[in-house]
């Protein structure tokens, strides 16, 4: 795979990771309703959690030869993505978020991110498989998408949702399509049909 393809795949994967409604986006959404700054700060905490998990996974990929295990990892990744698609098609609930300083908002989001079982599972399965397939270029694209999302999402919420509450459902459906595409790719790859 060439670097441009990997960067674009990383961007698509990054948006498929960050866009779906879930615990972190519910927290970002809740805090964005207070202010865009609180939403972006929460997003930066989430991105930092992904950086910690991504670095651990990338280091593991460098130390462990997946070789014979890559198809099993891809199969598990396909299942994780399919579960995420099913989850995001359900109505998400937004948790209450107390008013707090920027440091507290950031550290709370970082803690939620590094302890979120779905986020950890995503990195151990999907992230590990992509580290093996795409390496650093793919991760740069992935984190580029996350950086864009943690600014665009709070902005869109503070401005757009006030005008049209249906925006959140459209985002969920687009995310489901991306995740389903990646789930299909991993399923085909695990079956030896996509390499």
Protein backbone atom coordinates (compact mmCIF):
# COMPACT_ATOMS: atom_id res chain seq x y z
CA UNK A 1 0.00 0.00 0.00
CA UNK A 2 1.34 3.46 -0.83
CA UNK A 3 1.56 6.28 1.72
CA UNK A 4 -1.28 8.37 0.24
CA UNK A 5 -3.65 5.39 0.36
CA UNK A 6 -2.59 4.66 3.95
CA UNK A 7 -3.06 8.31 5.00
CA UNK A 8 -6.55 8.42 3.44
CA UNK A 9 -7.41 5.07 5.03
CA UNK A 10 -6.15 6.44 8.35
CA UNK A 11 -8.34 9.54 7.99
CA UNK A 12 -11.38 7.39 7.21
CA UNK A 13 -10.59 5.08 10.12
CA UNK A 14 -10.05 8.06 12.44
CA UNK A 15 -13.45 9.52 11.54
CA UNK A 16 -15.07 6.10 11.91
CA UNK A 17 -13.56 5.90 15.43
CA UNK A 18 -14.43 9.43 16.53
CA UNK A 19 -17.79 10.15 14.87
CA UNK A 20 -20.00 7.36 16.30
CA UNK A 21 -22.07 8.24 19.36
CA UNK A 22 -20.69 6.56 22.45
CA UNK A 23 -19.56 7.41 25.96
CA UNK A 24 -16.87 9.86 24.85
CA UNK A 25 -18.93 11.67 22.22
CA UNK A 26 -21.82 11.84 24.69
CA UNK A 27 -19.45 13.52 27.15
CA UNK A 28 -18.14 15.88 24.44
CA UNK A 29 -21.71 16.68 23.37
CA UNK A 30 -22.81 17.37 26.93
CA UNK A 31 -19.89 19.70 27.59
CA UNK A 32 -20.26 21.37 24.19
CA UNK A 33 -23.75 22.45 25.16
CA UNK A 34 -22.08 24.55 27.91
CA UNK A 35 -19.39 25.98 25.62
CA UNK A 36 -17.32 25.10 22.58
CA UNK A 37 -14.18 25.44 24.74
CA UNK A 38 -15.41 22.78 27.18
CA UNK A 39 -16.28 20.48 24.26
CA UNK A 40 -12.87 20.93 22.59
CA UNK A 41 -11.04 20.42 25.90
CA UNK A 42 -12.98 17.19 26.45
CA UNK A 43 -12.11 16.12 22.89
CA UNK A 44 -8.42 16.79 23.52
CA UNK A 45 -8.59 14.55 26.59
CA UNK A 46 -10.17 11.83 24.45
CA UNK A 47 -7.50 12.29 21.77
CA UNK A 48 -4.78 12.01 24.42
CA UNK A 49 -6.31 8.73 25.60
CA UNK A 50 -6.23 7.46 22.03
CA UNK A 51 -2.59 8.58 21.75
CA UNK A 52 -1.70 6.60 24.89
CA UNK A 53 -3.54 3.50 23.69
CA UNK A 54 -2.24 3.91 20.12
CA UNK A 55 1.37 4.25 21.31
CA UNK A 56 1.04 1.11 23.41
CA UNK A 57 -0.46 -0.80 20.50
CA UNK A 58 2.15 0.48 18.03
CA UNK A 59 4.93 -0.54 20.46
CA UNK A 60 3.31 -3.97 20.83
CA UNK A 61 3.14 -4.28 17.03
CA UNK A 62 6.88 -3.54 16.84
CA UNK A 63 7.71 -6.19 19.46
CA UNK A 64 5.25 -8.93 18.50
CA UNK A 65 5.20 -10.61 15.10
CA UNK A 66 1.51 -11.09 14.42
CA UNK A 67 2.25 -13.27 11.39
CA UNK A 68 -0.10 -16.21 11.79
CA UNK A 69 -2.35 -14.25 14.17
CA UNK A 70 -3.18 -11.27 11.96
CA UNK A 71 -6.28 -12.90 10.47
CA UNK A 72 -7.60 -13.73 13.93
CA UNK A 73 -6.98 -10.12 15.04
CA UNK A 74 -8.76 -8.87 11.90
CA UNK A 75 -11.70 -11.21 12.56
CA UNK A 76 -12.02 -9.92 16.13
CA UNK A 77 -11.70 -6.36 14.79
CA UNK A 78 -14.56 -7.01 12.35
CA UNK A 79 -16.72 -8.23 15.24
CA UNK A 80 -15.82 -5.18 17.37
CA UNK A 81 -16.73 -2.84 14.51
CA UNK A 82 -20.00 -4.67 13.89
CA UNK A 83 -20.87 -4.32 17.59
CA UNK A 84 -20.03 -0.61 17.42
CA UNK A 85 -22.34 -0.23 14.40
CA UNK A 86 -25.15 -1.91 16.34
CA UNK A 87 -24.50 0.31 19.37
CA UNK A 88 -24.51 3.55 17.46
CA UNK A 89 -27.77 2.70 15.70
CA UNK A 90 -29.43 2.72 19.13
CA UNK A 91 -30.31 6.03 20.71
CA UNK A 92 -27.35 7.30 22.77
CA UNK A 93 -27.88 8.82 26.20
CA UNK A 94 -25.95 11.91 27.23
CA UNK A 95 -24.49 11.73 30.75
CA UNK A 96 -24.50 14.74 33.05
CA UNK A 97 -21.18 16.60 33.15
CA UNK A 98 -20.54 18.97 36.06
CA UNK A 99 -18.98 22.38 35.53
CA UNK A 100 -15.23 22.16 36.03
CA UNK A 101 -11.90 23.80 35.20
CA UNK A 102 -10.16 23.11 31.89
CA UNK A 103 -7.65 20.83 33.67
CA UNK A 104 -10.46 18.86 35.29
CA UNK A 105 -12.44 18.63 32.03
CA UNK A 106 -9.32 17.40 30.19
CA UNK A 107 -8.23 14.92 32.87
CA UNK A 108 -11.75 13.51 33.25
CA UNK A 109 -11.93 12.85 29.49
CA UNK A 110 -8.43 11.30 29.50
CA UNK A 111 -9.42 9.00 32.35
CA UNK A 112 -12.69 8.01 30.67
CA UNK A 113 -10.80 7.32 27.43
CA UNK A 114 -8.07 5.10 28.85
CA UNK A 115 -10.54 3.11 30.96
CA UNK A 116 -13.36 2.83 28.39
CA UNK A 117 -13.63 -0.92 27.61
CA UNK A 118 -14.81 -0.32 24.03
CA UNK A 119 -11.96 2.11 23.36
CA UNK A 120 -9.42 -0.36 24.76
CA UNK A 121 -10.99 -3.24 22.84
CA UNK A 122 -10.96 -1.17 19.64
CA UNK A 123 -7.23 -0.47 20.00
CA UNK A 124 -6.33 -4.05 20.94
CA UNK A 125 -8.20 -5.45 17.93
CA UNK A 126 -8.78 -2.94 15.12
CA UNK A 127 -5.86 -0.67 16.06
CA UNK A 128 -3.44 -3.57 16.35
CA UNK A 129 -4.52 -5.00 12.99
CA UNK A 130 -4.05 -1.63 11.31
CA UNK A 131 -0.65 -1.16 12.96
CA UNK A 132 0.40 -4.43 11.36
CA UNK A 133 -1.09 -3.53 7.97
CA UNK A 134 -0.38 0.19 7.72
CA UNK A 135 2.09 1.33 10.35
CA UNK A 136 2.94 4.93 11.21
CA UNK A 137 1.46 6.63 8.11
CA UNK A 138 -1.94 5.16 8.81
CA UNK A 139 -1.71 6.29 12.45
CA UNK A 140 -0.83 9.84 11.35
CA UNK A 141 -3.97 9.92 9.19
CA UNK A 142 -6.01 8.48 12.06
CA UNK A 143 -4.84 11.14 14.53
CA UNK A 144 -5.28 13.86 11.90
CA UNK A 145 -8.94 12.89 11.69
CA UNK A 146 -9.24 12.84 15.49
CA UNK A 147 -7.69 16.34 15.72
CA UNK A 148 -10.18 17.68 13.16
CA UNK A 149 -13.09 15.98 14.92
CA UNK A 150 -12.37 17.35 18.40
CA UNK A 151 -12.77 20.89 17.02
CA UNK A 152 -15.46 20.38 14.37
CA UNK A 153 -17.80 18.27 16.53
CA UNK A 154 -18.14 20.76 19.41
CA UNK A 155 -18.51 23.62 16.92
CA UNK A 156 -21.20 21.77 14.99
CA UNK A 157 -23.02 20.96 18.22
CA UNK A 158 -22.94 24.46 19.64
CA UNK A 159 -24.14 25.96 16.36
CA UNK A 160 -25.98 23.31 14.37
CA UNK A 161 -28.01 21.37 16.92
CA UNK A 162 -29.72 24.55 18.08
CA UNK A 163 -31.06 24.94 14.55
CA UNK A 164 -31.78 21.33 13.64
CA UNK A 165 -31.78 18.46 16.18
CA UNK A 166 -31.79 15.88 13.34
CA UNK A 167 -28.06 16.53 12.73
CA UNK A 168 -27.07 14.01 15.42
CA UNK A 169 -29.01 11.19 13.70
CA UNK A 170 -27.36 11.97 10.35
CA UNK A 171 -23.92 11.78 11.96
CA UNK A 172 -24.84 8.43 13.53
CA UNK A 173 -25.97 6.97 10.19
CA UNK A 174 -22.84 8.17 8.35
CA UNK A 175 -20.68 6.69 11.12
CA UNK A 176 -22.54 3.40 10.89
CA UNK A 177 -21.80 3.24 7.17
CA UNK A 178 -18.07 3.85 7.71
CA UNK A 179 -17.82 1.34 10.54
CA UNK A 180 -19.77 -1.25 8.55
CA UNK A 181 -17.35 -0.73 5.66
CA UNK A 182 -14.34 -1.35 7.89
CA UNK A 183 -16.07 -4.35 9.49
CA UNK A 184 -16.63 -5.78 6.01
CA UNK A 185 -13.02 -5.13 5.06
CA UNK A 186 -11.72 -6.92 8.15
CA UNK A 187 -14.11 -9.82 7.64
CA UNK A 188 -12.90 -10.23 4.05
CA UNK A 189 -9.30 -9.82 5.13
CA UNK A 190 -9.70 -12.43 7.88
CA UNK A 191 -11.11 -14.78 5.24
CA UNK A 192 -8.05 -14.11 3.04
CA UNK A 193 -10.04 -12.22 0.38
CA UNK A 194 -8.83 -8.64 0.88
CA UNK A 195 -5.00 -8.76 1.06
